[in-house]
C-alpha cells in the first residue's frame, strides 16, 4: 500500500524515473539487470540508459581527482538524462556506479554482495547464499534476478527439458556419470520427448559423446543454436526441467517459471565444507523444492514442492518503496 501511494503521488506530479544500468558486458549480469528493468517498468514510467563500465575505466585516484575539479558527467550518456537511480551488477561496475551516483546525487543500487562496504551504496540486492544480513539497505533474494516470469495456469505444458552446465568451483564435473543419468531418465520417461541444451561452460566433448548414444527421445542443442528457443519463453511450456546443480541461475529460472524442477547428481568440490552455492542447492533439495536424481530413482513419480518465486518482481517493488520513501517528490530533469 505504501508503494502504491508513493507511485500515485508521483504520477500526479507527472514525473518519471531516469535509471542508468551499469554493466560489465557479462551476459549473466546483464540478464539480472534486464529482469529488474522489466519489472520496474511494469510499475512505473521509466527512462532507461545502459552504460558499459569498461568504456570509461576509472581508478580511485581518477575518481577523487574528477570529483575535486567537478568534471562533467560521463559522455557515455547524455547529461539531459540525469539519473534518479543508478544500478550496477558486477564488481568492475562499482567505481563507475559510485562516481556517477556522486556526480548526479543519484540513488545507488548494486545487485550482488559488493566488494566495498555496504554503506557506500543506498541499496544492495543479493542472493541469500551470500549471507548478508537483511536490513533497510539490504534485500536478500532466492538466487540471482532473472527475466523469467511465472507461467500461467492456462499455458499448455508439452515440453521436457534438460539444462547442462559444466566445470565450476562449486561442483565436480564427471562427464560419463552425467551421461549415465541422462540415459536413465530418458529410458524411464520414454514417453516424453526431451530437449537438452548445453551452456558456455559445458566441455566441447559432452554433446558429441551424448549424440553417439543415439537416444531416440532426446534432442540435443548447442546453446547458441537459433532453433533452441530462449529459456525465458521455453520454460513456460515445460512440464519438467532437469538442471545440473552447478547451473544455479538456470535452477532459479526454472523455479521462477513454476516448472517442476529436478537436479542431476554432482559431488561438491569440497565434500567436507561445501561452498555457499552448493549448500543453497542442498537446501532446496532438503526442502523438496527441487528433487534430486537419487530421490527420483527411488520414486520416479515424486513431484517437488511448489516454490512461488518471482524475485525480480519482489526486488522491483522493494527498490521503488525504498526510493520513494527517501525521494517522494524529487523532480526529474
Protein backbone atom coordinates (compact mmCIF):
# COMPACT_ATOMS: atom_id res chain seq x y z
CA UNK A 1 0.00 0.00 0.00
CA UNK A 2 2.84 2.41 0.82
CA UNK A 3 4.41 1.75 -2.58
CA UNK A 4 1.13 2.32 -4.42
CA UNK A 5 0.54 5.56 -2.54
CA UNK A 6 4.01 6.85 -3.44
CA UNK A 7 3.55 5.86 -7.08
CA UNK A 8 0.16 7.55 -7.25
CA UNK A 9 1.58 10.74 -5.73
CA UNK A 10 4.48 10.74 -8.17
CA UNK A 11 2.17 10.18 -11.12
CA UNK A 12 0.02 13.14 -10.04
CA UNK A 13 3.19 15.24 -10.22
CA UNK A 14 3.71 13.93 -13.79
CA UNK A 15 7.15 12.60 -13.08
CA UNK A 16 9.02 9.62 -14.48
CA UNK A 17 12.19 7.96 -13.26
CA UNK A 18 15.51 8.09 -15.07
CA UNK A 19 17.50 4.92 -14.40
CA UNK A 20 21.03 4.09 -15.54
CA UNK A 21 22.10 0.45 -15.68
CA UNK A 22 25.87 -0.02 -15.32
CA UNK A 23 27.10 -3.33 -16.76
CA UNK A 24 30.36 -5.17 -17.47
CA UNK A 25 29.17 -6.91 -20.68
CA UNK A 26 28.86 -10.25 -18.86
CA UNK A 27 25.63 -11.97 -20.01
CA UNK A 28 24.70 -13.14 -16.51
CA UNK A 29 24.93 -9.64 -15.05
CA UNK A 30 23.05 -8.09 -17.98
CA UNK A 31 20.36 -10.75 -17.51
CA UNK A 32 19.91 -9.71 -13.87
CA UNK A 33 19.71 -6.03 -14.74
CA UNK A 34 17.17 -6.66 -17.52
CA UNK A 35 15.00 -8.71 -15.20
CA UNK A 36 14.86 -5.81 -12.75
CA UNK A 37 14.38 -3.24 -15.51
CA UNK A 38 11.35 -5.09 -16.89
CA UNK A 39 9.63 -5.30 -13.52
CA UNK A 40 10.32 -1.70 -12.50
CA UNK A 41 8.85 -0.56 -15.84
CA UNK A 42 5.76 -2.63 -15.08
CA UNK A 43 5.03 -0.46 -12.04
CA UNK A 44 6.28 2.93 -13.07
CA UNK A 45 7.15 5.02 -16.12
CA UNK A 46 10.92 4.97 -16.59
CA UNK A 47 13.57 6.32 -18.96
CA UNK A 48 16.48 3.90 -19.01
CA UNK A 49 20.07 4.16 -20.24
CA UNK A 50 22.72 1.45 -20.34
CA UNK A 51 26.35 2.27 -19.55
CA UNK A 52 29.30 -0.04 -20.20
CA UNK A 53 31.69 0.37 -17.27
CA UNK A 54 34.55 -0.81 -19.46
CA UNK A 55 34.24 2.17 -21.83
CA UNK A 56 35.27 4.65 -19.17
CA UNK A 57 37.59 2.83 -16.79
CA UNK A 58 38.21 4.74 -13.60
CA UNK A 59 40.83 4.42 -10.90
CA UNK A 60 40.11 5.52 -7.35
CA UNK A 61 42.72 8.27 -7.78
CA UNK A 62 41.00 9.35 -11.01
CA UNK A 63 37.62 9.43 -9.29
CA UNK A 64 38.91 11.64 -6.48
CA UNK A 65 40.53 13.97 -8.99
CA UNK A 66 37.37 14.25 -11.08
CA UNK A 67 35.29 14.97 -8.01
CA UNK A 68 37.79 17.58 -6.86
CA UNK A 69 37.72 19.52 -10.11
CA UNK A 70 33.99 18.84 -10.67
CA UNK A 71 34.33 17.31 -14.12
CA UNK A 72 31.03 16.98 -16.01
CA UNK A 73 29.14 13.64 -16.13
CA UNK A 74 30.27 10.71 -18.24
CA UNK A 75 29.95 11.16 -22.00
CA UNK A 76 28.53 7.62 -22.23
CA UNK A 77 25.05 9.02 -21.55
CA UNK A 78 23.58 12.40 -22.38
CA UNK A 79 23.54 14.75 -19.33
CA UNK A 80 19.98 15.63 -20.37
CA UNK A 81 19.03 12.26 -18.89
CA UNK A 82 20.44 12.89 -15.42
CA UNK A 83 19.67 9.73 -13.40
CA UNK A 84 17.49 9.34 -10.33
CA UNK A 85 18.70 5.77 -9.77
CA UNK A 86 21.89 4.03 -10.89
CA UNK A 87 22.00 0.22 -10.75
CA UNK A 88 25.10 -1.92 -11.31
CA UNK A 89 25.93 -5.62 -11.45
CA UNK A 90 29.49 -6.95 -11.37
CA UNK A 91 32.47 -5.94 -9.22
CA UNK A 92 34.05 -3.93 -12.05
CA UNK A 93 30.99 -1.65 -12.18
CA UNK A 94 31.42 -0.37 -8.61
CA UNK A 95 33.71 2.54 -9.43
CA UNK A 96 31.61 3.85 -12.31
CA UNK A 97 28.40 3.36 -10.31
CA UNK A 98 29.64 5.27 -7.26
CA UNK A 99 31.27 8.06 -9.27
CA UNK A 100 28.16 8.70 -11.38
CA UNK A 101 25.91 8.47 -8.30
CA UNK A 102 28.04 11.09 -6.57
CA UNK A 103 28.15 13.41 -9.59
CA UNK A 104 24.38 13.23 -10.12
CA UNK A 105 23.29 12.87 -6.49
CA UNK A 106 21.58 9.64 -7.61
CA UNK A 107 20.36 6.66 -5.62
CA UNK A 108 22.95 3.87 -5.93
CA UNK A 109 21.99 0.19 -6.15
CA UNK A 110 24.18 -2.89 -6.56
CA UNK A 111 22.87 -6.37 -7.49
CA UNK A 112 25.37 -8.51 -5.59
CA UNK A 113 27.37 -8.69 -2.39
CA UNK A 114 29.68 -5.74 -3.04
CA UNK A 115 33.44 -5.83 -2.64
CA UNK A 116 33.17 -2.44 -0.89
CA UNK A 117 31.49 -1.56 2.43
CA UNK A 118 27.69 -1.67 2.28
CA UNK A 119 27.47 1.93 3.47
CA UNK A 120 28.86 3.07 0.10
CA UNK A 121 25.55 2.06 -1.56
CA UNK A 122 21.97 3.16 -0.93
CA UNK A 123 20.61 -0.32 -1.65
CA UNK A 124 22.03 -3.83 -2.05
CA UNK A 125 20.08 -6.69 -3.65
CA UNK A 126 21.87 -10.04 -3.44
CA UNK A 127 21.23 -13.81 -3.16
CA UNK A 128 20.60 -15.26 0.29
CA UNK A 129 23.59 -17.59 -0.06
CA UNK A 130 25.87 -14.53 0.12
CA UNK A 131 24.78 -14.33 3.77
CA UNK A 132 24.35 -10.60 4.14
CA UNK A 133 22.05 -9.63 6.98
CA UNK A 134 18.80 -8.24 5.61
CA UNK A 135 18.02 -4.63 6.55
CA UNK A 136 16.52 -1.41 5.20
CA UNK A 137 19.56 -1.28 2.92
CA UNK A 138 19.81 -4.98 2.00
CA UNK A 139 17.30 -7.28 0.27
CA UNK A 140 18.09 -11.00 0.17
CA UNK A 141 16.72 -12.92 -2.83
CA UNK A 142 16.40 -16.59 -3.69
CA UNK A 143 19.08 -16.81 -6.35
CA UNK A 144 20.04 -14.05 -8.76
CA UNK A 145 17.38 -11.98 -10.52
CA UNK A 146 16.30 -13.10 -13.98
CA UNK A 147 13.90 -12.26 -16.81
CA UNK A 148 11.68 -15.34 -16.38
CA UNK A 149 8.04 -14.79 -15.39
CA UNK A 150 5.82 -17.39 -13.68
CA UNK A 151 3.88 -19.36 -16.26
CA UNK A 152 0.11 -19.01 -16.41
CA UNK A 153 -2.06 -21.92 -15.33
CA UNK A 154 -3.62 -21.98 -18.78
CA UNK A 155 -0.27 -22.32 -20.58
CA UNK A 156 -0.10 -25.87 -22.07
CA UNK A 157 2.85 -27.87 -20.69
CA UNK A 158 4.18 -30.01 -23.52
CA UNK A 159 7.97 -29.98 -23.20
CA UNK A 160 10.55 -31.75 -21.04
CA UNK A 161 13.87 -30.02 -20.68
CA UNK A 162 17.46 -30.74 -19.59
CA UNK A 163 19.94 -27.92 -18.96
CA UNK A 164 23.63 -28.75 -18.67
CA UNK A 165 26.28 -26.58 -17.06
CA UNK A 166 29.90 -27.59 -16.74
CA UNK A 167 33.06 -27.26 -14.73
CA UNK A 168 32.68 -24.89 -11.78
CA UNK A 169 34.30 -24.03 -8.45
CA UNK A 170 31.32 -25.50 -6.59
CA UNK A 171 30.83 -29.00 -8.09
CA UNK A 172 32.98 -31.72 -9.64
CA UNK A 173 32.34 -32.32 -13.33
CA UNK A 174 32.14 -36.02 -14.25
CA UNK A 175 31.00 -36.32 -17.85
CA UNK A 176 30.28 -40.04 -18.05
CA UNK A 177 28.44 -40.03 -14.73
CA UNK A 178 26.16 -37.28 -16.04
CA UNK A 179 25.59 -39.04 -19.36
CA UNK A 180 24.60 -42.20 -17.49
CA UNK A 181 21.95 -40.24 -15.57
CA UNK A 182 20.56 -38.76 -18.79
CA UNK A 183 20.26 -42.25 -20.26
CA UNK A 184 18.35 -43.48 -17.19
CA UNK A 185 15.93 -40.54 -17.25
CA UNK A 186 15.20 -40.85 -20.97
CA UNK A 187 14.73 -44.62 -20.59
CA UNK A 188 12.29 -44.37 -17.67
CA UNK A 189 10.39 -41.42 -19.14
CA UNK A 190 10.44 -42.86 -22.65
CA UNK A 191 7.01 -41.46 -23.49
CA UNK A 192 8.49 -37.95 -23.24
CA UNK A 193 10.48 -36.19 -25.93
CA UNK A 194 13.37 -34.49 -24.16
CA UNK A 195 15.15 -31.30 -25.22
CA UNK A 196 18.70 -30.82 -23.94
CA UNK A 197 20.89 -27.74 -24.13
CA UNK A 198 24.49 -27.24 -23.10
CA UNK A 199 25.87 -23.88 -21.90
CA UNK A 200 29.05 -21.79 -22.26
CA UNK A 201 30.74 -23.80 -19.50
CA UNK A 202 29.95 -27.22 -20.95
CA UNK A 203 33.08 -29.06 -22.22
CA UNK A 204 33.14 -29.37 -26.01
CA UNK A 205 33.34 -33.17 -25.70
CA UNK A 206 29.98 -33.50 -23.98
CA UNK A 207 27.43 -33.16 -26.81
CA UNK A 208 29.35 -35.35 -29.28
CA UNK A 209 29.64 -38.10 -26.65
CA UNK A 210 25.94 -37.89 -25.85
CA UNK A 211 24.87 -37.89 -29.50
CA UNK A 212 26.86 -41.08 -30.13
CA UNK A 213 24.35 -42.93 -27.93
CA UNK A 214 21.54 -42.07 -30.35
CA UNK A 215 18.88 -41.78 -27.63
CA UNK A 216 15.64 -41.75 -29.59
CA UNK A 217 13.64 -39.44 -27.34
CA UNK A 218 16.42 -36.89 -26.82
CA UNK A 219 17.11 -33.84 -29.00
CA UNK A 220 20.39 -32.07 -28.23
CA UNK A 221 21.09 -28.40 -28.96
CA UNK A 222 24.12 -26.19 -28.63
CA UNK A 223 23.12 -23.15 -26.55
CA UNK A 224 23.89 -20.82 -29.49
CA UNK A 225 21.65 -22.77 -31.88
CA UNK A 226 18.94 -20.39 -33.14
CA UNK A 227 16.44 -23.28 -33.26
CA UNK A 228 16.58 -23.51 -29.46
CA UNK A 229 14.07 -21.04 -28.03
CA UNK A 230 15.13 -18.51 -25.37
CA UNK A 231 14.88 -20.10 -21.93
CA UNK A 232 12.55 -17.45 -20.55
CA UNK A 233 9.90 -18.49 -23.11
CA UNK A 234 10.78 -22.19 -23.33
CA UNK A 235 10.35 -22.72 -19.59
CA UNK A 236 6.77 -21.50 -19.81
CA UNK A 237 5.97 -24.66 -21.78
CA UNK A 238 7.80 -27.22 -19.62
CA UNK A 239 6.21 -29.98 -17.57
CA UNK A 240 9.60 -30.90 -16.09
CA UNK A 241 13.12 -29.48 -16.11
CA UNK A 242 16.34 -31.21 -15.11
CA UNK A 243 19.28 -28.92 -14.28
CA UNK A 244 22.87 -29.66 -13.26
CA UNK A 245 23.41 -28.23 -9.74
CA UNK A 246 26.32 -26.03 -10.86
CA UNK A 247 23.83 -24.07 -13.02
CA UNK A 248 22.39 -22.06 -10.14
CA UNK A 249 20.94 -19.32 -12.33
CA UNK A 250 19.12 -21.81 -14.56
CA UNK A 251 17.89 -23.64 -11.46
CA UNK A 252 16.22 -20.49 -10.15
CA UNK A 253 14.91 -19.58 -13.59
CA UNK A 254 13.15 -22.95 -13.70
CA UNK A 255 11.76 -22.44 -10.20
CA UNK A 256 10.56 -18.95 -11.14
CA UNK A 257 8.69 -20.32 -14.15
CA UNK A 258 6.85 -22.70 -11.81
CA UNK A 259 8.14 -25.78 -13.64
CA UNK A 260 8.72 -28.93 -11.53
CA UNK A 261 12.50 -28.84 -11.17
CA UNK A 262 14.92 -31.76 -10.74
CA UNK A 263 18.69 -31.83 -10.38
CA UNK A 264 21.33 -34.26 -11.57
CA UNK A 265 23.77 -35.79 -9.12
CA UNK A 266 27.12 -33.97 -8.90
CA UNK A 267 29.51 -34.02 -5.95
CA UNK A 268 30.53 -30.75 -4.29
CA UNK A 269 34.14 -29.75 -4.92
CA UNK A 270 34.72 -29.79 -1.16
CA UNK A 271 32.60 -32.53 0.40
CA UNK A 272 33.74 -31.65 3.94
CA UNK A 273 32.97 -27.97 3.57
CA UNK A 274 30.65 -27.33 0.58
CA UNK A 275 30.58 -23.81 -0.84
CA UNK A 276 27.70 -21.48 -0.06
CA UNK A 277 26.27 -22.16 -3.54
CA UNK A 278 26.47 -25.94 -3.01
CA UNK A 279 24.79 -25.51 0.37
CA UNK A 280 21.99 -23.44 -1.19
CA UNK A 281 21.28 -26.21 -3.71
CA UNK A 282 21.25 -28.80 -0.94
CA UNK A 283 18.83 -26.59 0.98
CA UNK A 284 16.43 -26.59 -1.99
CA UNK A 285 16.67 -30.40 -2.11
CA UNK A 286 16.15 -30.74 1.65
CA UNK A 287 13.01 -28.60 1.45
CA UNK A 288 11.88 -30.70 -1.53
CA UNK A 289 11.54 -27.63 -3.73
CA UNK A 290 13.94 -29.45 -6.05
CA UNK A 291 14.08 -33.24 -6.45
CA UNK A 292 17.48 -34.92 -6.61
CA UNK A 293 18.34 -37.68 -9.05
CA UNK A 294 18.71 -40.15 -6.15
CA UNK A 295 15.21 -39.37 -4.83
CA UNK A 296 13.74 -39.60 -8.33
CA UNK A 297 15.35 -43.02 -8.85
CA UNK A 298 13.66 -44.29 -5.69
CA UNK A 299 10.33 -42.83 -6.74
CA UNK A 300 10.01 -41.66 -10.39
CA UNK A 301 6.53 -40.25 -9.65
CA UNK A 302 7.83 -37.85 -6.98
CA UNK A 303 6.98 -34.17 -7.51
CA UNK A 304 8.79 -31.21 -5.93
CA UNK A 305 7.02 -28.83 -3.57
CA UNK A 306 5.97 -25.68 -5.38
CA UNK A 307 8.05 -22.62 -4.54
CA UNK A 308 6.30 -19.42 -5.53
CA UNK A 309 9.16 -17.26 -6.81
CA UNK A 310 9.33 -14.03 -8.76
CA UNK A 311 12.33 -12.33 -7.26
CA UNK A 312 12.78 -9.70 -9.95
CA UNK A 313 9.24 -8.52 -9.26
CA UNK A 314 9.75 -8.55 -5.49
CA UNK A 315 13.05 -6.68 -5.86
CA UNK A 316 11.46 -4.05 -8.11
CA UNK A 317 8.71 -3.32 -5.59
CA UNK A 318 11.19 -3.22 -2.71
CA UNK A 319 13.51 -0.85 -4.58
CA UNK A 320 10.73 1.53 -5.59
CA UNK A 321 9.49 1.51 -2.00
CA UNK A 322 12.96 2.36 -0.70
CA UNK A 323 13.50 5.08 -3.28
CA UNK A 324 10.13 6.83 -2.92
CA UNK A 325 10.41 6.73 0.85
CA UNK A 326 13.52 8.94 0.57
CA UNK A 327 12.59 10.93 -2.57
CA UNK A 328 8.77 11.19 -2.74
CA UNK A 329 8.70 14.38 -4.82
CA UNK A 330 12.15 14.57 -6.39
CA UNK A 331 11.93 16.39 -9.72
CA UNK A 332 13.34 14.64 -12.80
CA UNK A 333 15.02 16.79 -15.45
